Amino acid sequence: MQARTFVSKSILKPVRTLIYRFGNKIPRNFLENAWSLLVALLAILLSLLLGSCQSGDTYVKPETKPLLEAVYASGFLKASDEYAVLAEGEGRIQEKLLNDGALLKKGDAIYILSADQPDARYQIARQNFELAKKNAAPDSPILAELHFSLNSLSTKKKFDSINFVRFQNLMNQNATTRVEYDRVKLTYENSINEYNAAKNRFNKTKSDLTLAFENARQQLLIAGDDSGRQVVRSLMDGRLLSTKKEVGEVVRRGEQLALIGKSDSYYLQLSVDEQDIRKLQFGQKVLFKADAFTDSVFEGVVSKIYTLVDTRQQSLRVDVNIPTTFPASFSGLAVEANIIVREKKDALVLPKNLVQGDSVWIEREGKPMKIQITKGIETMDEVEILNGLDSSSRVLIVK
């Protein structure tokens, strides 16, 4: 920006007057031998007078330059696919296998937990399974007892059947009484019923024991899975960003044990003030700086705009994809960013403090005049002039 000062010629008169007064008061012999002191005094006086004149009106001319309209955002660098490892059981850290920053493969063990309660549960399930397996086996005591009873009733039924046939023949020959025949017949029928009941009881018991065996087997598998979960493993290839527990510490179900994320992919998690939400669009360019690299500016692209506003912070979350060439690999780095809303290469620009609403003061034909303008892109310090001024306009700095 060019800046000029309106300086009245009348400043020369007070200068001459001051020199005359000071000259009369200083001895002549001193002036003859100290011209340098006089020159210094005159320089100081001139500086004071010129400074007093600077308080008058000055002007600047609009400047043509690139201009950006951006939305400010702040946030953190985050590893892609970052997730928290939660404890699926209870126990105590028996062994910590990896340290923070370690590279991981899917399935790598991170912690080993000693969990007495799951182990006891597994032992009980194992005992129940063994008992159910024994009871459901063909030679189990329960089935053997029922089978023995069934065989006895089968033998009795055969004997009663033969006896009934013999008495039936005797009855046909009138060699026995009706009472004896009916008694033998009733005994035979009871034998059939008892045998059938015992057979049904045997089949039902066998079916129940088989079902109990299957249930015990499933409970054993579940208990075995619970026991296996005491080895805490990574679910993905990546980096162990942080661990939350050390050897000997107690672990509760659902408690965070570690944080894992990608080792070669990062993004920005930004917060944008809710007043700027309407300016955001998918794919906008982002310029950002990280506290760890204060002398460098990096670029990214808006990849996701969330729809839920944080009512406590009155802000909206925005995710930004960044290039893989970004030099940092530390999740959690603080960043500040500008999301580019509009960009213009040749904008006619004025300092924002010279604009009063939609008007400015200009100098025209030696007189101040207030005119209206049309504004375009606005930043914190500058504003684009679309109409009302040109590059030769003299815009007054009104104090």
Protein backbone atom coordinates (compact mmCIF):
# COMPACT_ATOMS: atom_id res chain seq x y z
CA MET A 1 0.00 0.00 0.00
CA GLN A 2 1.25 3.54 -0.79
CA ALA A 3 0.87 6.17 1.88
CA ARG A 4 1.35 9.94 1.61
CA THR A 5 1.11 12.78 4.11
CA PHE A 6 -0.46 16.22 3.66
CA VAL A 7 2.22 18.55 5.21
CA SER A 8 1.56 22.27 5.30
CA LYS A 9 4.31 24.68 4.22
CA SER A 10 3.55 26.67 7.35
CA ILE A 11 5.76 24.28 9.34
CA LEU A 12 8.81 26.16 8.10
CA LYS A 13 7.82 29.37 9.91
CA PRO A 14 7.79 27.83 13.44
CA VAL A 15 11.08 26.12 12.64
CA ARG A 16 12.73 29.41 11.74
CA THR A 17 11.24 31.01 14.84
CA LEU A 18 12.59 28.27 17.11
CA ILE A 19 16.02 28.48 15.52
CA TYR A 20 16.04 32.25 16.01
CA ARG A 21 15.06 32.00 19.66
CA PHE A 22 17.51 29.22 20.44
CA GLY A 23 20.23 31.01 18.51
CA ASN A 24 19.88 34.15 20.61
CA LYS A 25 20.17 32.22 23.84
CA ILE A 26 23.29 30.22 22.94
CA PRO A 27 26.66 32.04 23.29
CA ARG A 28 28.30 33.03 20.02
CA ASN A 29 31.64 31.46 20.85
CA PHE A 30 29.84 28.16 21.57
CA LEU A 31 28.08 28.27 18.19
CA GLU A 32 31.36 28.84 16.42
CA ASN A 33 32.89 25.75 17.97
CA ALA A 34 29.78 23.41 18.08
CA TRP A 35 28.04 23.49 14.74
CA SER A 36 27.41 19.75 15.06
CA LEU A 37 25.37 20.33 18.22
CA LEU A 38 23.25 22.89 16.41
CA VAL A 39 22.63 20.49 13.54
CA ALA A 40 21.52 17.80 15.99
CA LEU A 41 19.17 20.22 17.72
CA LEU A 42 17.61 21.26 14.44
CA ALA A 43 17.11 17.60 13.48
CA ILE A 44 15.27 16.92 16.75
CA LEU A 45 13.03 19.92 16.30
CA LEU A 46 12.21 19.00 12.72
CA SER A 47 11.34 15.45 13.79
CA LEU A 48 8.94 16.76 16.45
CA LEU A 49 7.26 19.09 14.01
CA LEU A 50 6.92 16.47 11.29
CA GLY A 51 5.50 14.01 13.83
CA SER A 52 2.85 16.53 14.81
CA CYS A 53 1.88 16.90 11.19
CA GLN A 54 1.50 13.18 10.74
CA SER A 55 -1.69 13.34 12.82
CA GLY A 56 -3.45 14.92 9.85
CA ASP A 57 -5.39 13.07 7.15
CA THR A 58 -3.51 10.47 5.09
CA TYR A 59 -4.68 8.23 2.28
CA VAL A 60 -4.00 4.83 0.76
CA LYS A 61 -4.75 3.47 -2.64
CA PRO A 62 -6.51 0.11 -3.20
CA GLU A 63 -4.09 -2.65 -4.09
CA THR A 64 -4.59 -5.51 -6.54
CA LYS A 65 -3.49 -8.79 -4.96
CA PRO A 66 -4.60 -12.42 -4.35
CA LEU A 67 -7.24 -12.73 -1.64
CA LEU A 68 -8.68 -15.69 0.24
CA GLU A 69 -11.87 -16.01 2.26
CA ALA A 70 -11.44 -18.77 4.79
CA VAL A 71 -13.07 -20.32 7.83
CA TYR A 72 -10.86 -20.78 10.87
CA ALA A 73 -10.74 -24.21 12.49
CA SER A 74 -8.63 -25.91 15.13
CA GLY A 75 -8.17 -29.53 16.06
CA PHE A 76 -5.79 -32.45 16.12
CA LEU A 77 -3.96 -34.88 13.89
CA LYS A 78 -5.48 -38.37 14.19
CA ALA A 79 -4.42 -41.79 12.91
CA SER A 80 -6.82 -43.35 10.40
CA ASP A 81 -9.10 -46.16 11.69
CA GLU A 82 -8.13 -45.26 15.24
CA TYR A 83 -9.98 -47.35 17.83
CA ALA A 84 -9.88 -48.04 21.54
CA VAL A 85 -9.14 -51.57 22.76
CA LEU A 86 -11.62 -52.43 25.52
CA ALA A 87 -11.40 -55.23 28.06
CA GLU A 88 -13.95 -57.97 27.43
CA GLY A 89 -13.39 -59.57 30.79
CA GLU A 90 -12.13 -58.83 34.28
CA GLY A 91 -8.79 -59.65 35.83
CA ARG A 92 -5.30 -58.30 36.34
CA ILE A 93 -2.51 -57.44 33.90
CA GLN A 94 -0.18 -60.42 34.06
CA GLU A 95 2.10 -59.42 31.17
CA LYS A 96 2.49 -56.42 28.87
CA LEU A 97 3.91 -57.68 25.58
CA LEU A 98 4.30 -54.45 23.55
CA ASN A 99 5.18 -50.82 24.27
CA ASP A 100 3.75 -47.58 22.91
CA GLY A 101 4.65 -46.93 19.28
CA ALA A 102 5.12 -50.58 18.33
CA LEU A 103 4.05 -51.69 14.86
CA LEU A 104 1.30 -54.31 14.90
CA LYS A 105 -0.04 -57.09 12.74
CA LYS A 106 -3.62 -58.27 13.00
CA GLY A 107 -3.85 -60.78 15.84
CA ASP A 108 -0.70 -59.64 17.66
CA ALA A 109 -1.02 -60.02 21.43
CA ILE A 110 -0.73 -56.83 23.48
CA TYR A 111 -1.64 -57.92 27.02
CA ILE A 112 -2.09 -61.17 28.90
CA LEU A 113 -4.65 -61.01 31.69
CA SER A 114 -4.80 -63.41 34.61
CA ALA A 115 -8.51 -63.81 35.31
CA ASP A 116 -9.41 -66.15 38.17
CA GLN A 117 -13.14 -65.75 37.71
CA PRO A 118 -13.23 -66.75 34.01
CA ASP A 119 -10.88 -69.67 34.76
CA ALA A 120 -13.21 -70.91 37.53
CA ARG A 121 -16.16 -70.52 35.18
CA TYR A 122 -14.34 -72.57 32.57
CA GLN A 123 -13.51 -75.30 35.08
CA ILE A 124 -17.14 -75.54 36.16
CA ALA A 125 -18.27 -75.71 32.54
CA ARG A 126 -15.66 -78.38 31.90
CA GLN A 127 -16.87 -80.48 34.83
CA ASN A 128 -20.49 -80.15 33.70
CA PHE A 129 -19.49 -81.20 30.21
CA GLU A 130 -17.63 -84.28 31.43
CA LEU A 131 -20.58 -85.30 33.60
CA ALA A 132 -23.07 -84.80 30.78
CA LYS A 133 -20.82 -86.71 28.40
CA LYS A 134 -20.60 -89.60 30.84
CA ASN A 135 -24.36 -89.68 31.42
CA ALA A 136 -25.12 -89.60 27.69
CA ALA A 137 -22.70 -92.42 26.83
CA PRO A 138 -24.22 -95.82 25.95
CA ASP A 139 -22.64 -97.40 29.04
CA SER A 140 -23.63 -94.62 31.43
CA PRO A 141 -24.93 -95.79 34.86
CA ILE A 142 -28.26 -94.05 34.36
CA LEU A 143 -28.93 -95.64 30.98
CA ALA A 144 -27.51 -98.98 32.17
CA GLU A 145 -29.96 -99.07 35.08
CA LEU A 146 -32.90 -98.23 32.83
CA HIS A 147 -31.73 -100.74 30.25
CA PHE A 148 -31.46 -103.45 32.87
CA SER A 149 -34.99 -102.69 34.07
CA LEU A 150 -36.24 -102.76 30.48
CA ASN A 151 -34.65 -106.15 29.85
CA SER A 152 -36.23 -107.53 33.01
CA LEU A 153 -39.66 -106.33 31.95
CA SER A 154 -39.09 -107.74 28.48
CA THR A 155 -38.32 -111.16 29.98
CA LYS A 156 -41.35 -110.96 32.21
CA LYS A 157 -43.53 -109.95 29.27
CA LYS A 158 -42.33 -112.97 27.28
CA PHE A 159 -43.02 -115.30 30.20
CA ASP A 160 -46.48 -113.81 30.76
CA SER A 161 -47.17 -114.06 27.03
CA ILE A 162 -46.32 -117.81 27.00
CA ASN A 163 -48.39 -118.37 30.13
CA PHE A 164 -51.34 -116.49 28.62
CA VAL A 165 -51.21 -118.63 25.45
CA ARG A 166 -51.11 -121.82 27.54
CA PHE A 167 -54.14 -120.76 29.61
CA GLN A 168 -55.93 -119.68 26.43
CA ASN A 169 -55.51 -123.23 25.06
CA LEU A 170 -56.70 -124.69 28.35
CA MET A 171 -59.72 -122.42 28.26
CA ASN A 172 -60.56 -123.60 24.77
CA GLN A 173 -60.44 -127.18 26.09
CA ASN A 174 -62.47 -126.26 29.20
CA ALA A 175 -59.50 -127.40 31.28
CA THR A 176 -59.34 -124.27 33.48
CA THR A 177 -61.71 -121.83 35.05
CA ARG A 178 -62.61 -118.38 33.71
CA VAL A 179 -61.19 -116.77 36.86
CA GLU A 180 -57.74 -118.29 36.31
CA TYR A 181 -57.80 -117.36 32.62
CA ASP A 182 -58.74 -113.75 33.37
CA ARG A 183 -56.02 -113.51 36.02
CA VAL A 184 -53.35 -114.74 33.58
CA LYS A 185 -54.65 -112.45 30.85
CA LEU A 186 -54.55 -109.42 33.16
CA THR A 187 -51.01 -110.26 34.23
CA TYR A 188 -49.92 -110.45 30.62
CA GLU A 189 -51.52 -107.11 29.75
CA ASN A 190 -49.88 -105.46 32.75
CA SER A 191 -46.53 -106.84 31.62
CA ILE A 192 -47.02 -105.26 28.20
CA ASN A 193 -47.91 -101.89 29.71
CA GLU A 194 -44.99 -101.98 32.15
CA TYR A 195 -42.58 -102.86 29.36
CA ASN A 196 -43.86 -100.08 27.08
CA ALA A 197 -43.65 -97.54 29.94
CA ALA A 198 -40.10 -98.60 30.75
CA LYS A 199 -39.15 -98.40 27.08
CA ASN A 200 -40.58 -94.87 26.80
CA ARG A 201 -38.82 -93.87 30.01
CA PHE A 202 -35.53 -95.21 28.65
CA ASN A 203 -35.89 -93.35 25.34
CA LYS A 204 -36.91 -90.09 27.06
CA THR A 205 -34.03 -90.26 29.53
CA LYS A 206 -31.60 -90.99 26.74
CA SER A 207 -32.92 -87.99 24.77
CA ASP A 208 -32.71 -85.71 27.82
CA LEU A 209 -29.16 -86.79 28.54
CA THR A 210 -28.16 -86.19 24.91
CA LEU A 211 -29.67 -82.69 25.05
CA ALA A 212 -27.91 -81.98 28.35
CA PHE A 213 -24.65 -83.09 26.76
CA GLU A 214 -25.10 -80.66 23.83
CA ASN A 215 -25.92 -77.80 26.19
CA ALA A 216 -22.88 -78.57 28.34
CA ARG A 217 -20.71 -78.65 25.22
CA GLN A 218 -21.95 -75.20 24.14
CA GLN A 219 -21.36 -73.78 27.61
CA LEU A 220 -17.84 -75.19 27.54
CA LEU A 221 -17.18 -73.51 24.18
CA ILE A 222 -18.48 -70.18 25.52
CA ALA A 223 -16.38 -70.49 28.65
CA GLY A 224 -13.41 -71.37 26.49
CA ASP A 225 -13.95 -68.22 24.38
CA ASP A 226 -14.14 -66.10 27.52
CA SER A 227 -10.90 -67.61 28.69
CA GLY A 228 -9.28 -66.94 25.30
CA ARG A 229 -10.27 -63.26 25.46
CA GLN A 230 -7.86 -62.82 28.33
CA VAL A 231 -5.19 -62.50 25.66
CA VAL A 232 -5.80 -59.00 24.32
CA ARG A 233 -5.02 -58.85 20.58
CA SER A 234 -4.95 -56.25 17.82
CA LEU A 235 -7.82 -56.36 15.32
CA MET A 236 -5.84 -54.70 12.51
CA ASP A 237 -2.42 -53.91 11.08
CA GLY A 238 -1.19 -50.59 12.43
CA ARG A 239 0.59 -48.91 15.30
CA LEU A 240 0.09 -49.17 19.06
CA LEU A 241 -0.50 -45.48 19.76
CA SER A 242 -0.78 -45.81 23.53
CA THR A 243 -1.28 -48.32 26.33
CA LYS A 244 -3.36 -47.52 29.40
CA LYS A 245 -2.40 -50.31 31.82
CA GLU A 246 0.77 -51.66 33.36
CA VAL A 247 1.63 -55.06 34.85
CA GLY A 248 -0.26 -55.75 38.07
CA GLU A 249 -3.09 -53.29 37.50
CA VAL A 250 -6.70 -54.44 37.84
CA VAL A 251 -8.87 -54.47 34.71
CA ARG A 252 -12.65 -54.09 34.64
CA ARG A 253 -14.92 -55.22 31.82
CA GLY A 254 -15.30 -52.42 29.26
CA GLU A 255 -12.25 -50.48 30.48
CA GLN A 256 -9.90 -49.04 27.83
CA LEU A 257 -6.60 -50.90 27.59
CA ALA A 258 -4.94 -49.38 24.51
CA LEU A 259 -5.35 -47.16 21.45
CA ILE A 260 -4.54 -48.48 17.97
CA GLY A 261 -4.51 -46.77 14.57
CA LYS A 262 -2.99 -46.93 11.10
CA SER A 263 0.74 -46.36 10.98
CA ASP A 264 0.88 -44.74 7.52
CA SER A 265 -2.39 -42.82 7.22
CA TYR A 266 -3.55 -39.75 9.12
CA TYR A 267 -6.29 -37.13 8.94
CA LEU A 268 -7.28 -33.90 10.68
CA GLN A 269 -10.18 -33.82 13.13
CA LEU A 270 -11.21 -30.16 13.24
CA SER A 271 -13.80 -28.11 15.11
CA VAL A 272 -15.56 -25.28 13.26
CA ASP A 273 -17.65 -22.59 14.94
CA GLU A 274 -21.35 -23.13 14.31
CA GLN A 275 -21.63 -19.61 12.82
CA ASP A 276 -19.46 -20.76 9.88
CA ILE A 277 -21.27 -24.03 9.16
CA ARG A 278 -23.15 -22.66 6.15
CA LYS A 279 -19.84 -21.91 4.40
CA LEU A 280 -18.58 -25.50 4.53
CA GLN A 281 -18.62 -27.84 1.54
CA PHE A 282 -17.20 -31.26 0.79
CA GLY A 283 -13.89 -31.08 -1.12
CA GLN A 284 -12.82 -27.60 0.00
CA LYS A 285 -9.06 -26.97 0.19
CA VAL A 286 -7.60 -26.62 3.67
CA LEU A 287 -4.37 -24.86 4.66
CA PHE A 288 -3.08 -25.85 8.08
CA LYS A 289 -0.12 -25.52 10.41
CA ALA A 290 0.97 -27.90 13.14
CA ASP A 291 2.53 -26.70 16.37
CA ALA A 292 5.42 -29.08 15.74
CA PHE A 293 6.16 -27.45 12.33
CA THR A 294 5.46 -23.76 12.88
CA ASP A 295 7.42 -22.67 9.79
CA SER A 296 5.53 -24.87 7.32
CA VAL A 297 2.04 -24.71 5.80
CA PHE A 298 0.39 -27.92 4.60
CA GLU A 299 -2.62 -28.63 2.41
CA GLY A 300 -5.57 -30.98 2.84
CA VAL A 301 -9.11 -31.52 1.57
CA VAL A 302 -12.40 -31.60 3.49
CA SER A 303 -13.48 -35.26 3.43
CA LYS A 304 -16.38 -35.38 5.88
CA ILE A 305 -18.75 -32.86 7.46
CA TYR A 306 -20.64 -34.19 10.47
CA THR A 307 -24.28 -33.29 11.09
CA LEU A 308 -24.27 -33.17 14.89
CA VAL A 309 -23.28 -29.90 16.55
CA ASP A 310 -21.44 -30.14 19.87
CA THR A 311 -23.75 -28.12 22.12
CA ARG A 312 -21.07 -27.60 24.75
CA GLN A 313 -18.46 -26.21 22.36
CA GLN A 314 -20.99 -24.80 19.86
CA SER A 315 -18.91 -26.30 17.08
CA LEU A 316 -19.15 -28.86 14.31
CA ARG A 317 -16.68 -31.64 13.57
CA VAL A 318 -15.01 -31.66 10.15
CA ASP A 319 -12.53 -34.31 8.94
CA VAL A 320 -9.76 -33.43 6.49
CA ASN A 321 -7.72 -35.82 4.38
CA ILE A 322 -4.02 -34.97 4.27
CA PRO A 323 -1.24 -36.28 1.98
CA THR A 324 0.84 -39.25 3.03
CA THR A 325 3.92 -37.02 2.69
CA PHE A 326 3.00 -35.15 5.88
CA PRO A 327 6.18 -35.45 7.99
CA ALA A 328 4.56 -36.17 11.37
CA SER A 329 3.43 -39.57 12.62
CA PHE A 330 2.18 -38.59 16.06
CA SER A 331 -1.54 -38.82 16.64
CA GLY A 332 -2.80 -35.95 18.76
CA LEU A 333 -0.68 -33.10 17.36
CA ALA A 334 -2.47 -29.74 17.69
CA VAL A 335 -3.22 -27.96 14.39
CA GLU A 336 -4.78 -24.70 13.24
CA ALA A 337 -6.39 -24.55 9.82
CA ASN A 338 -8.09 -22.28 7.33
CA ILE A 339 -10.79 -23.87 5.19
CA ILE A 340 -10.77 -21.98 1.89
CA VAL A 341 -14.27 -20.73 1.03
CA ARG A 342 -13.43 -18.40 -1.86
CA GLU A 343 -10.22 -17.52 -3.63
CA LYS A 344 -9.44 -14.69 -6.08
CA LYS A 345 -6.11 -14.04 -7.77
CA ASP A 346 -6.64 -10.36 -8.75
CA ALA A 347 -8.79 -8.69 -6.12
CA LEU A 348 -8.95 -4.94 -5.50
CA VAL A 349 -8.24 -4.83 -1.76
CA LEU A 350 -8.46 -2.25 1.03
CA PRO A 351 -7.57 -2.52 4.71
CA LYS A 352 -10.76 -3.41 6.55
CA ASN A 353 -10.39 -0.62 9.12
CA LEU A 354 -10.95 1.98 6.37
CA VAL A 355 -14.38 0.62 5.48
CA GLN A 356 -17.35 1.96 7.42
CA GLY A 357 -20.21 -0.42 6.69
CA ASP A 358 -20.62 -0.07 2.92
CA SER A 359 -18.84 3.26 2.48
CA VAL A 360 -15.40 4.89 2.61
CA TRP A 361 -13.96 8.42 2.71
CA ILE A 362 -11.96 9.43 -0.35
CA GLU A 363 -10.05 12.53 -1.37
CA ARG A 364 -11.44 14.08 -4.56
CA GLU A 365 -10.26 17.43 -5.95
CA GLY A 366 -8.54 18.12 -2.64
CA LYS A 367 -11.67 17.61 -0.56
CA PRO A 368 -12.83 14.63 1.55
CA MET A 369 -15.94 12.82 0.29
CA LYS A 370 -17.89 9.80 1.55
CA ILE A 371 -18.94 7.30 -1.15
CA GLN A 372 -20.65 3.91 -1.21
CA ILE A 373 -18.86 0.74 -2.27
CA THR A 374 -19.75 -2.88 -3.01
CA LYS A 375 -17.79 -5.42 -0.98
CA GLY A 376 -16.73 -8.92 -2.00
CA ILE A 377 -14.43 -11.28 -0.10
CA GLU A 378 -13.78 -10.25 3.49
CA THR A 379 -10.99 -11.43 5.77
CA MET A 380 -9.98 -10.42 9.28
CA ASP A 381 -7.83 -7.52 7.98
CA GLU A 382 -8.86 -6.84 4.38
CA VAL A 383 -11.92 -6.49 2.17
CA GLU A 384 -12.36 -6.82 -1.59
CA ILE A 385 -13.87 -3.82 -3.42
CA LEU A 386 -16.15 -4.87 -6.26
CA ASN A 387 -17.58 -1.46 -7.16
CA GLY A 388 -17.08 2.17 -6.22
CA LEU A 389 -13.26 2.41 -6.28
CA ASP A 390 -10.36 1.75 -8.60
CA SER A 391 -6.62 1.41 -8.13
CA SER A 392 -6.13 5.19 -8.43
CA SER A 393 -8.68 6.13 -5.74
CA ARG A 394 -7.31 7.94 -2.70
CA VAL A 395 -9.01 6.47 0.39
CA LEU A 396 -8.59 8.67 3.44
CA ILE A 397 -7.52 7.33 6.81
CA VAL A 398 -10.05 8.98 9.07
CA LYS A 399 -9.13 9.04 12.76
